Protein backbone atom coordinates (compact mmCIF):
# COMPACT_ATOMS: atom_id res chain seq x y z
CA UNK A 1 -16.36 -18.10 -5.52
CA UNK A 2 -18.11 -14.76 -5.90
CA UNK A 3 -18.44 -11.52 -4.02
CA UNK A 4 -21.88 -9.97 -3.69
CA UNK A 5 -22.29 -6.33 -2.75
CA UNK A 6 -25.45 -4.29 -2.27
CA UNK A 7 -26.05 -0.76 -1.08
CA UNK A 8 -28.11 -0.01 2.00
CA UNK A 9 -30.05 3.30 2.20
CA UNK A 10 -28.00 4.49 5.18
CA UNK A 11 -24.91 4.61 2.99
CA UNK A 12 -23.15 1.58 4.49
CA UNK A 13 -22.09 -1.42 2.45
CA UNK A 14 -22.30 -5.13 3.09
CA UNK A 15 -19.97 -7.52 1.35
CA UNK A 16 -20.33 -11.24 1.59
CA UNK A 17 -18.56 -14.09 -0.07
CA UNK A 18 -19.87 -17.58 -0.66
CA UNK A 19 -16.87 -19.20 1.00
CA UNK A 20 -15.07 -19.18 4.31
CA UNK A 21 -13.81 -15.61 4.27
CA UNK A 22 -17.02 -13.80 5.16
CA UNK A 23 -15.94 -12.98 8.73
CA UNK A 24 -12.57 -11.27 7.93
CA UNK A 25 -14.25 -9.04 5.32
CA UNK A 26 -16.89 -7.99 7.80
CA UNK A 27 -14.29 -7.36 10.48
CA UNK A 28 -12.32 -5.11 8.14
CA UNK A 29 -15.35 -2.96 7.43
CA UNK A 30 -16.54 -3.02 11.04
CA UNK A 31 -13.32 -1.09 11.70
CA UNK A 32 -13.41 1.05 8.57
CA UNK A 33 -17.00 2.19 8.25
CA UNK A 34 -17.57 3.80 11.69
CA UNK A 35 -14.27 5.68 11.40
CA UNK A 36 -15.26 7.08 8.02
CA UNK A 37 -18.76 7.97 9.15
CA UNK A 38 -17.37 9.76 12.20
CA UNK A 39 -14.75 11.52 10.07
CA UNK A 40 -16.73 12.49 7.00
CA UNK A 41 -20.36 12.74 8.04
CA UNK A 42 -20.34 14.66 11.30
CA UNK A 43 -21.43 18.30 11.19
CA UNK A 44 -18.85 20.56 9.57
CA UNK A 45 -16.75 22.74 11.80
CA UNK A 46 -16.06 25.32 9.11
CA UNK A 47 -18.09 26.55 6.18
CA UNK A 48 -15.41 25.44 3.74
CA UNK A 49 -15.74 21.87 5.00
CA UNK A 50 -19.46 21.54 4.20
CA UNK A 51 -18.97 20.06 0.75
CA UNK A 52 -16.36 17.61 2.09
CA UNK A 53 -18.48 16.25 4.91
CA UNK A 54 -21.29 14.82 2.78
CA UNK A 55 -21.93 11.07 2.94
CA UNK A 56 -21.12 10.38 -0.76
CA UNK A 57 -17.46 10.96 0.07
CA UNK A 58 -17.59 8.24 2.74
CA UNK A 59 -19.06 5.83 0.17
CA UNK A 60 -16.38 6.78 -2.34
CA UNK A 61 -13.62 6.04 0.18
CA UNK A 62 -15.12 2.67 1.13
CA UNK A 63 -15.47 1.66 -2.53
CA UNK A 64 -11.92 2.85 -3.25
CA UNK A 65 -10.72 0.63 -0.39
CA UNK A 66 -12.33 -2.38 -2.09
CA UNK A 67 -10.68 -1.44 -5.38
CA UNK A 68 -7.32 -1.18 -3.65
CA UNK A 69 -7.88 -4.60 -2.06
CA UNK A 70 -8.26 -5.98 -5.59
CA UNK A 71 -5.15 -4.19 -6.87
CA UNK A 72 -3.03 -5.14 -3.85
CA UNK A 73 -4.03 -8.79 -4.13
CA UNK A 74 -3.16 -8.78 -7.82
CA UNK A 75 0.27 -7.32 -7.03
CA UNK A 76 1.12 -9.56 -4.05
CA UNK A 77 -0.35 -12.97 -4.90
CA UNK A 78 2.59 -14.06 -7.03
CA UNK A 79 4.96 -14.06 -4.03
CA UNK A 80 3.46 -17.01 -2.11
CA UNK A 81 2.25 -18.77 -5.26
CA UNK A 82 5.51 -18.52 -7.26
CA UNK A 83 6.31 -22.27 -6.99
CA UNK A 84 2.76 -23.25 -8.00
CA UNK A 85 2.79 -20.79 -10.90
CA UNK A 86 6.13 -22.14 -12.11
CA UNK A 87 4.64 -25.66 -12.18
CA UNK A 88 1.53 -24.41 -13.97
CA UNK A 89 3.60 -22.66 -16.64
CA UNK A 90 6.16 -25.53 -16.73
CA UNK A 91 9.10 -23.20 -16.17
CA UNK A 92 11.81 -23.03 -13.47
CA UNK A 93 11.11 -21.06 -10.31
CA UNK A 94 13.77 -18.55 -11.34
CA UNK A 95 11.65 -17.66 -14.37
CA UNK A 96 8.76 -16.67 -12.09
CA UNK A 97 10.97 -14.70 -9.72
CA UNK A 98 12.15 -12.74 -12.75
CA UNK A 99 8.52 -11.70 -13.25
CA UNK A 100 8.48 -10.41 -9.67
CA UNK A 101 11.70 -8.47 -10.22
CA UNK A 102 10.36 -6.91 -13.41
CA UNK A 103 7.11 -5.82 -11.77
CA UNK A 104 9.10 -4.20 -8.96
CA UNK A 105 11.26 -2.33 -11.46
CA UNK A 106 8.26 -1.28 -13.56
CA UNK A 107 6.76 0.26 -10.42
CA UNK A 108 9.53 2.86 -10.51
CA UNK A 109 8.13 4.17 -13.79
CA UNK A 110 5.02 5.12 -11.85
CA UNK A 111 6.73 8.36 -10.89
CA UNK A 112 5.42 9.64 -14.22
CA UNK A 113 1.82 8.79 -13.34
CA UNK A 114 1.74 11.43 -10.59
CA UNK A 115 2.22 14.48 -12.83
CA UNK A 116 -0.29 12.99 -15.28
CA UNK A 117 -2.87 12.63 -12.50
CA UNK A 118 -2.30 16.24 -11.41
CA UNK A 119 -2.69 17.33 -15.01
CA UNK A 120 -5.59 15.20 -16.29
CA UNK A 121 -7.49 14.35 -13.12
CA UNK A 122 -7.53 11.79 -10.33
CA UNK A 123 -10.66 9.96 -11.47
CA UNK A 124 -9.23 9.51 -14.96
CA UNK A 125 -6.02 7.97 -13.62
CA UNK A 126 -7.80 5.74 -11.11
CA UNK A 127 -9.96 4.33 -13.90
CA UNK A 128 -6.87 3.93 -16.05
CA UNK A 129 -5.23 1.85 -13.32
CA UNK A 130 -8.22 -0.46 -13.04
CA UNK A 131 -8.45 -0.74 -16.83
CA UNK A 132 -4.77 -1.65 -17.08
CA UNK A 133 -5.28 -4.35 -14.43
CA UNK A 134 -8.18 -5.84 -16.41
CA UNK A 135 -6.27 -5.84 -19.69
CA UNK A 136 -3.14 -7.42 -18.20
CA UNK A 137 -5.03 -10.18 -16.39
CA UNK A 138 -7.19 -10.87 -19.46
CA UNK A 139 -4.01 -11.45 -21.48
CA UNK A 140 -2.78 -13.91 -18.84
CA UNK A 141 -6.06 -15.81 -18.98
CA UNK A 142 -6.37 -15.91 -22.76
CA UNK A 143 -2.82 -17.15 -23.40
CA UNK A 144 -1.63 -18.99 -20.26
CA UNK A 145 1.95 -19.62 -21.38
CA UNK A 146 5.09 -18.09 -19.92
CA UNK A 147 5.80 -15.02 -22.04
CA UNK A 148 2.17 -13.83 -22.38
CA UNK A 149 1.74 -14.32 -18.61
CA UNK A 150 5.03 -12.45 -18.04
CA UNK A 151 3.80 -9.54 -20.14
CA UNK A 152 0.30 -9.63 -18.69
CA UNK A 153 1.44 -9.56 -15.07
CA UNK A 154 3.83 -6.68 -15.77
CA UNK A 155 1.00 -4.75 -17.47
CA UNK A 156 -1.35 -5.54 -14.57
CA UNK A 157 1.25 -4.35 -12.05
CA UNK A 158 0.99 -0.87 -13.53
CA UNK A 159 -2.62 -0.79 -12.31
CA UNK A 160 -1.61 -0.30 -8.68
CA UNK A 161 1.25 2.01 -9.69
CA UNK A 162 -1.19 4.31 -11.49
CA UNK A 163 -4.09 4.02 -9.03
CA UNK A 164 -2.33 4.62 -5.71
CA UNK A 165 -0.98 8.18 -6.19
CA UNK A 166 -4.31 9.23 -7.68
CA UNK A 167 -6.47 7.98 -4.79
CA UNK A 168 -4.09 9.46 -2.21
CA UNK A 169 -4.18 12.80 -4.02
CA UNK A 170 -8.00 12.61 -4.26
CA UNK A 171 -8.18 12.16 -0.49
CA UNK A 172 -5.72 15.01 -0.01
CA UNK A 173 -7.90 17.35 -2.08
CA UNK A 174 -11.25 16.42 -0.50
CA UNK A 175 -10.59 15.55 3.17
CA UNK A 176 -9.50 18.27 5.63
CA UNK A 177 -5.90 17.91 6.78
CA UNK A 178 -6.84 17.51 10.44
CA UNK A 179 -8.90 14.40 9.55
CA UNK A 180 -6.79 12.96 6.77
CA UNK A 181 -4.91 10.43 8.90
CA UNK A 182 -8.14 8.61 9.70
CA UNK A 183 -9.23 8.30 6.09
CA UNK A 184 -5.87 7.26 4.66
CA UNK A 185 -5.51 4.79 7.54
CA UNK A 186 -8.78 3.18 6.46
CA UNK A 187 -7.81 3.07 2.78
CA UNK A 188 -4.45 1.53 3.62
CA UNK A 189 -6.20 -1.36 5.40
CA UNK A 190 -6.52 -2.81 1.90
CA UNK A 191 -2.78 -3.58 2.04
CA UNK A 192 -3.12 -5.84 5.08
CA UNK A 193 -6.44 -7.06 3.69
CA UNK A 194 -4.68 -8.51 0.65
CA UNK A 195 -2.68 -10.79 2.98
CA UNK A 196 -5.52 -11.62 5.37
CA UNK A 197 -8.40 -11.85 2.86
CA UNK A 198 -7.42 -11.56 -0.80
CA UNK A 199 -4.58 -14.08 -1.04
CA UNK A 200 -6.29 -16.80 1.07
CA UNK A 201 -9.46 -16.42 -1.00
CA UNK A 202 -7.43 -16.58 -4.20
CA UNK A 203 -5.74 -19.76 -2.93
CA UNK A 204 -9.14 -21.49 -2.84
CA UNK A 205 -9.87 -20.38 -6.40
CA UNK A 206 -6.51 -21.58 -7.69
CA UNK A 207 -6.82 -24.87 -5.80
CA UNK A 208 -10.26 -25.61 -7.27
CA UNK A 209 -10.09 -24.01 -10.72
CA UNK A 210 -6.46 -23.21 -11.54
CA UNK A 211 -4.55 -20.05 -12.34
CA UNK A 212 -6.40 -19.40 -15.59
CA UNK A 213 -9.71 -18.95 -13.77
CA UNK A 214 -8.01 -16.67 -11.26
CA UNK A 215 -6.66 -14.49 -14.09
CA UNK A 216 -10.11 -14.23 -15.68
CA UNK A 217 -11.65 -13.38 -12.29
CA UNK A 218 -9.12 -10.58 -11.79
CA UNK A 219 -9.94 -9.27 -15.28
CA UNK A 220 -13.70 -9.40 -14.57
CA UNK A 221 -13.41 -7.60 -11.24
CA UNK A 222 -11.07 -5.05 -12.83
CA UNK A 223 -13.61 -4.30 -15.56
CA UNK A 224 -16.47 -4.05 -13.06
CA UNK A 225 -14.38 -1.74 -10.88
CA UNK A 226 -13.51 0.42 -13.89
CA UNK A 227 -17.20 0.86 -14.68
CA UNK A 228 -18.21 1.30 -11.04
CA UNK A 229 -15.61 3.97 -10.31
CA UNK A 230 -16.91 6.01 -13.23
CA UNK A 231 -20.38 6.05 -11.66
CA UNK A 232 -19.34 6.62 -8.05
CA UNK A 233 -16.60 9.25 -8.30
CA UNK A 234 -17.33 12.78 -9.55
CA UNK A 235 -15.97 13.79 -12.97
CA UNK A 236 -12.62 15.54 -13.08
CA UNK A 237 -12.42 19.22 -13.81
CA UNK A 238 -11.78 20.12 -17.45
CA UNK A 239 -8.17 19.74 -18.54
CA UNK A 240 -8.03 23.39 -19.51
CA UNK A 241 -8.75 24.45 -15.95
CA UNK A 242 -6.15 22.09 -14.54
CA UNK A 243 -3.31 23.02 -16.87
CA UNK A 244 -3.59 26.70 -15.96
CA UNK A 245 -2.71 25.87 -12.36
CA UNK A 246 -0.39 22.88 -12.78
CA UNK A 247 3.32 22.96 -13.64
CA UNK A 248 4.61 20.92 -16.57
CA UNK A 249 5.53 17.25 -16.31
CA UNK A 250 9.24 17.65 -15.69
CA UNK A 251 8.78 20.82 -13.65
CA UNK A 252 6.54 18.83 -11.33
CA UNK A 253 9.19 16.16 -10.86
CA UNK A 254 11.86 18.80 -10.26
CA UNK A 255 9.84 20.12 -7.30
CA UNK A 256 10.43 16.87 -5.45
CA UNK A 257 14.11 17.73 -5.11
CA UNK A 258 13.93 21.51 -4.93
CA UNK A 259 11.36 21.72 -2.12
CA UNK A 260 13.03 20.69 1.14
CA UNK A 261 9.98 19.10 2.85
CA UNK A 262 9.38 17.00 -0.26
CA UNK A 263 13.03 15.93 -0.49
CA UNK A 264 13.02 15.10 3.22
CA UNK A 265 9.93 12.91 2.90
CA UNK A 266 11.40 11.07 -0.10
CA UNK A 267 14.61 10.39 1.82
CA UNK A 268 12.56 9.25 4.81
CA UNK A 269 10.62 6.77 2.66
CA UNK A 270 13.82 5.49 1.07
CA UNK A 271 15.70 4.77 4.32
CA UNK A 272 12.87 3.09 6.20
CA UNK A 273 12.07 0.92 3.15
CA UNK A 274 15.69 -0.24 2.91
CA UNK A 275 15.55 -1.08 6.61
CA UNK A 276 12.28 -2.99 6.54
CA UNK A 277 12.93 -5.04 3.41
CA UNK A 278 16.40 -6.00 4.63
CA UNK A 279 14.68 -7.81 7.47
CA UNK A 280 11.67 -9.02 5.48
CA UNK A 281 13.82 -10.86 2.96
CA UNK A 282 15.88 -12.65 5.63
CA UNK A 283 13.49 -13.44 8.49
CA UNK A 284 12.42 -16.71 6.83
CA UNK A 285 16.02 -17.90 6.75
CA UNK A 286 16.37 -16.87 10.41
CA UNK A 287 13.28 -18.86 11.41
CA UNK A 288 14.41 -21.92 9.45
CA UNK A 289 17.99 -21.87 10.72
CA UNK A 290 17.38 -20.93 14.34
CA UNK A 291 14.06 -22.64 15.04
CA UNK A 292 13.80 -25.26 12.25
CA UNK A 293 10.52 -23.66 11.21
CA UNK A 294 8.38 -25.53 8.68
CA UNK A 295 6.60 -24.08 5.67
CA UNK A 296 3.36 -24.06 7.68
CA UNK A 297 5.04 -22.09 10.44
CA UNK A 298 6.41 -19.58 7.95
CA UNK A 299 2.94 -19.28 6.45
CA UNK A 300 1.50 -18.56 9.89
CA UNK A 301 4.16 -15.89 10.40
CA UNK A 302 2.89 -14.04 7.31
CA UNK A 303 -0.58 -13.95 8.90
CA UNK A 304 1.01 -12.44 12.01
CA UNK A 305 2.74 -9.81 9.86
CA UNK A 306 -0.52 -9.07 8.06
CA UNK A 307 -2.25 -8.65 11.43
CA UNK A 308 0.50 -6.27 12.56
CA UNK A 309 0.03 -4.24 9.38
CA UNK A 310 -3.72 -4.07 9.97
CA UNK A 311 -3.18 -2.95 13.56
CA UNK A 312 -0.74 -0.26 12.41
CA UNK A 313 -3.20 1.01 9.81
CA UNK A 314 -6.01 0.98 12.38
CA UNK A 315 -3.86 2.90 14.86
CA UNK A 316 -3.21 5.51 12.17
CA UNK A 317 -6.93 5.84 11.48
CA UNK A 318 -7.85 6.13 15.16
CA UNK A 319 -5.02 8.12 16.74
CA UNK A 320 -2.80 9.88 14.19
CA UNK A 321 -4.95 12.99 13.79
CA UNK A 322 -5.38 13.37 17.55
CA UNK A 323 -1.70 12.95 18.33
CA UNK A 324 -0.52 14.89 15.27
CA UNK A 325 0.88 13.39 12.08
CA UNK A 326 4.52 14.40 12.59
CA UNK A 327 4.50 13.23 16.20
CA UNK A 328 2.86 9.92 15.25
CA UNK A 329 5.51 9.23 12.62
CA UNK A 330 8.26 10.00 15.13
CA UNK A 331 6.69 7.71 17.75
CA UNK A 332 6.35 4.94 15.17
CA UNK A 333 9.98 5.28 14.11
CA UNK A 334 11.12 5.23 17.73
CA UNK A 335 9.17 2.03 18.34
CA UNK A 336 10.61 0.51 15.15
CA UNK A 337 14.18 1.28 16.21
CA UNK A 338 13.57 -0.31 19.61
CA UNK A 339 11.98 -3.40 18.00
CA UNK A 340 14.89 -3.82 15.56
CA UNK A 341 17.44 -3.57 18.36
CA UNK A 342 15.60 -6.06 20.57
CA UNK A 343 14.94 -8.60 17.84
CA UNK A 344 18.23 -10.60 18.22
CA UNK A 345 17.61 -10.76 21.96
CA UNK A 346 14.22 -12.38 21.33
CA UNK A 347 15.79 -15.28 19.46
CA UNK A 348 15.58 -17.65 22.43
CA UNK A 349 12.23 -19.04 21.23
CA UNK A 350 10.06 -18.94 18.12
CA UNK A 351 7.04 -17.31 19.85
CA UNK A 352 9.25 -14.52 21.19
CA UNK A 353 10.76 -13.98 17.74
CA UNK A 354 7.28 -13.78 16.20
CA UNK A 355 6.27 -11.21 18.81
CA UNK A 356 9.35 -9.18 17.88
CA UNK A 357 8.48 -9.37 14.18
CA UNK A 358 4.92 -8.34 14.98
CA UNK A 359 6.07 -5.16 16.72
CA UNK A 360 8.57 -4.36 13.94
CA UNK A 361 5.86 -4.43 11.28
CA UNK A 362 3.30 -2.70 13.47
CA UNK A 363 5.69 0.22 14.07
CA UNK A 364 6.75 0.36 10.42
CA UNK A 365 3.17 0.37 9.15
CA UNK A 366 2.13 3.04 11.67
CA UNK A 367 4.99 5.27 10.48
CA UNK A 368 4.65 4.84 6.75
CA UNK A 369 0.84 5.02 6.56
CA UNK A 370 0.82 8.20 8.65
CA UNK A 371 3.52 9.60 6.36
CA UNK A 372 1.14 9.15 3.41
CA UNK A 373 -1.33 11.50 5.10
CA UNK A 374 1.39 14.07 5.71
CA UNK A 375 2.84 13.76 2.21
CA UNK A 376 -0.47 14.68 0.58
CA UNK A 377 -0.06 18.21 1.97
CA UNK A 378 3.64 18.81 1.22
CA UNK A 379 2.98 20.10 -2.33
CA UNK A 380 -0.79 20.80 -2.42
CA UNK A 381 -0.78 21.87 -6.08
CA UNK A 382 0.93 18.59 -7.11
CA UNK A 383 -0.33 16.00 -4.66
CA UNK A 384 -0.26 13.03 -7.02
CA UNK A 385 3.26 13.92 -8.14
CA UNK A 386 4.42 13.97 -4.53
CA UNK A 387 2.82 10.60 -3.78
CA UNK A 388 4.17 9.00 -6.96
CA UNK A 389 7.65 10.23 -6.06
CA UNK A 390 7.28 8.85 -2.55
CA UNK A 391 6.22 5.43 -3.85
CA UNK A 392 9.05 5.38 -6.39
CA UNK A 393 11.81 6.23 -3.90
CA UNK A 394 10.38 3.75 -1.40
CA UNK A 395 10.40 1.15 -4.20
CA UNK A 396 14.06 1.84 -4.86
CA UNK A 397 14.66 1.41 -1.15
CA UNK A 398 12.91 -1.96 -1.17
CA UNK A 399 15.00 -3.17 -4.09
CA UNK A 400 18.22 -2.13 -2.36
CA UNK A 401 17.00 -3.61 0.91
CA UNK A 402 16.51 -7.04 -0.68
CA UNK A 403 20.12 -7.07 -1.87
CA UNK A 404 21.52 -5.54 1.31
CA UNK A 405 19.60 -7.94 3.54
CA UNK A 406 21.12 -11.00 1.88
CA UNK A 407 24.61 -9.54 2.21
CA UNK A 408 24.14 -8.63 5.88
CA UNK A 409 22.70 -12.07 6.65
CA UNK A 410 25.80 -13.75 5.27
CA UNK A 411 27.98 -11.27 7.15
CA UNK A 412 26.51 -11.47 10.63
CA UNK A 413 23.11 -13.18 10.72
CA UNK A 414 20.01 -11.63 12.23
CA UNK A 415 22.03 -9.35 14.52
CA UNK A 416 23.73 -7.63 11.56
CA UNK A 417 20.42 -7.35 9.70
CA UNK A 418 18.26 -6.00 12.52
CA UNK A 419 20.81 -3.61 14.00
CA UNK A 420 21.58 -2.22 10.54
CA UNK A 421 17.83 -1.76 10.06
CA UNK A 422 17.73 0.20 13.31
CA UNK A 423 20.51 2.50 12.05
CA UNK A 424 18.82 2.98 8.67
CA UNK A 425 15.54 3.82 10.42
CA UNK A 426 17.41 6.47 12.43
CA UNK A 427 18.55 7.96 9.10
CA UNK A 428 14.89 8.05 8.08
CA UNK A 429 14.04 9.92 11.28
CA UNK A 430 16.83 12.43 10.67
CA UNK A 431 15.64 12.93 7.07
CA UNK A 432 12.13 13.58 8.35
CA UNK A 433 13.37 16.10 10.92
CA UNK A 434 15.51 17.90 8.32
CA UNK A 435 12.74 18.06 5.74
CA UNK A 436 9.96 19.18 8.05
CA UNK A 437 11.96 21.61 10.20
CA UNK A 438 9.89 24.79 10.28
CA UNK A 439 7.23 23.38 7.94
CA UNK A 440 3.57 24.10 8.71
CA UNK A 441 0.45 23.08 6.88
CA UNK A 442 -0.70 25.94 4.68
CA UNK A 443 -4.04 26.77 6.27
CA UNK A 444 -2.57 26.58 9.76
CA UNK A 445 -4.47 23.46 10.78
């Protein structure tokens, strides 16, 4: 299975795959490309925007979305394939879940990658992330036994941790604030794309050629992406110029607590992540216990969740800038609270429960993706630091949510889980209101 990509003079990009996933890839870019062209290539409204509106930026964003699709697939594929990987490595399932836990914990160390990106450049850190992915997956392919695969997957997981704050900060520094929701909404489609495109495509590879071939393919695509990003993205400014304007490593991290809007956004990300993962980790048990759902049914439910995520990201791209970022986040949180509260009442049938889950994840994705756009402008001189801090605190929230969800499920079933998630989401809304009270974007946009 191979991807083939070629550039067309107009600046658009076609991607095709010699298997059954050609249509979803095209559909993703049918949504993404017109939004980016409308956002980044229309005539500038201000003289300062002229450099930002050129078509090369649209191509850079589209290519970055493909790179993120690769990184997201590499991070998420182990979840559905954990039993198969345990059989391939001839280890218990618990040994593979320990890999998942370690990669989640290692993601917290990514808070250090933000200050480094602000200091040494976004392009440098994005290439570093892709290089780390290639090295980790190459190790897995060369020595396909448990401990080398453990180490390789942990190393590869740092690729997304390093890449994500840098690309968000790059967008924040090149795309005007009043159009940023559209662009980040498009880039975040790679998250849903990993569920709808990347993991199903990888399943065919693993089924026909095994995990070792999949590891080598990840390494190859990582190396190609590393080289391609170096040709497509502009060079970073010299380090000497950056260090004159950037605070030190630990001073940058200290800003995240000292600056109220930053602290409010971090608290917001923490609470809504606890809420969402509490439900995510228990909904399978709910479906099995209440509706006797099979593995196939649970698999279909993940497609529904991926579709909800894609719809939330698309809504961000299309409507967030028009409605206003703060207002969009508030609307999304309000919808999420309502969906959490109604979820136990939808337990009369499996289709109704799936509809409820769909709206939960749509509202969550709308809120959190729009918050990325807003977060890139909270500390303009340290954008990558802000985004790395946001990802780290949200990661802590997810880890706590997994534990809390299991406890709440044992305590009171889906009602305890979903209503607690509603309350935690309200805490996220209050944190957002506290942090952003009186805050305005610097240039008055």
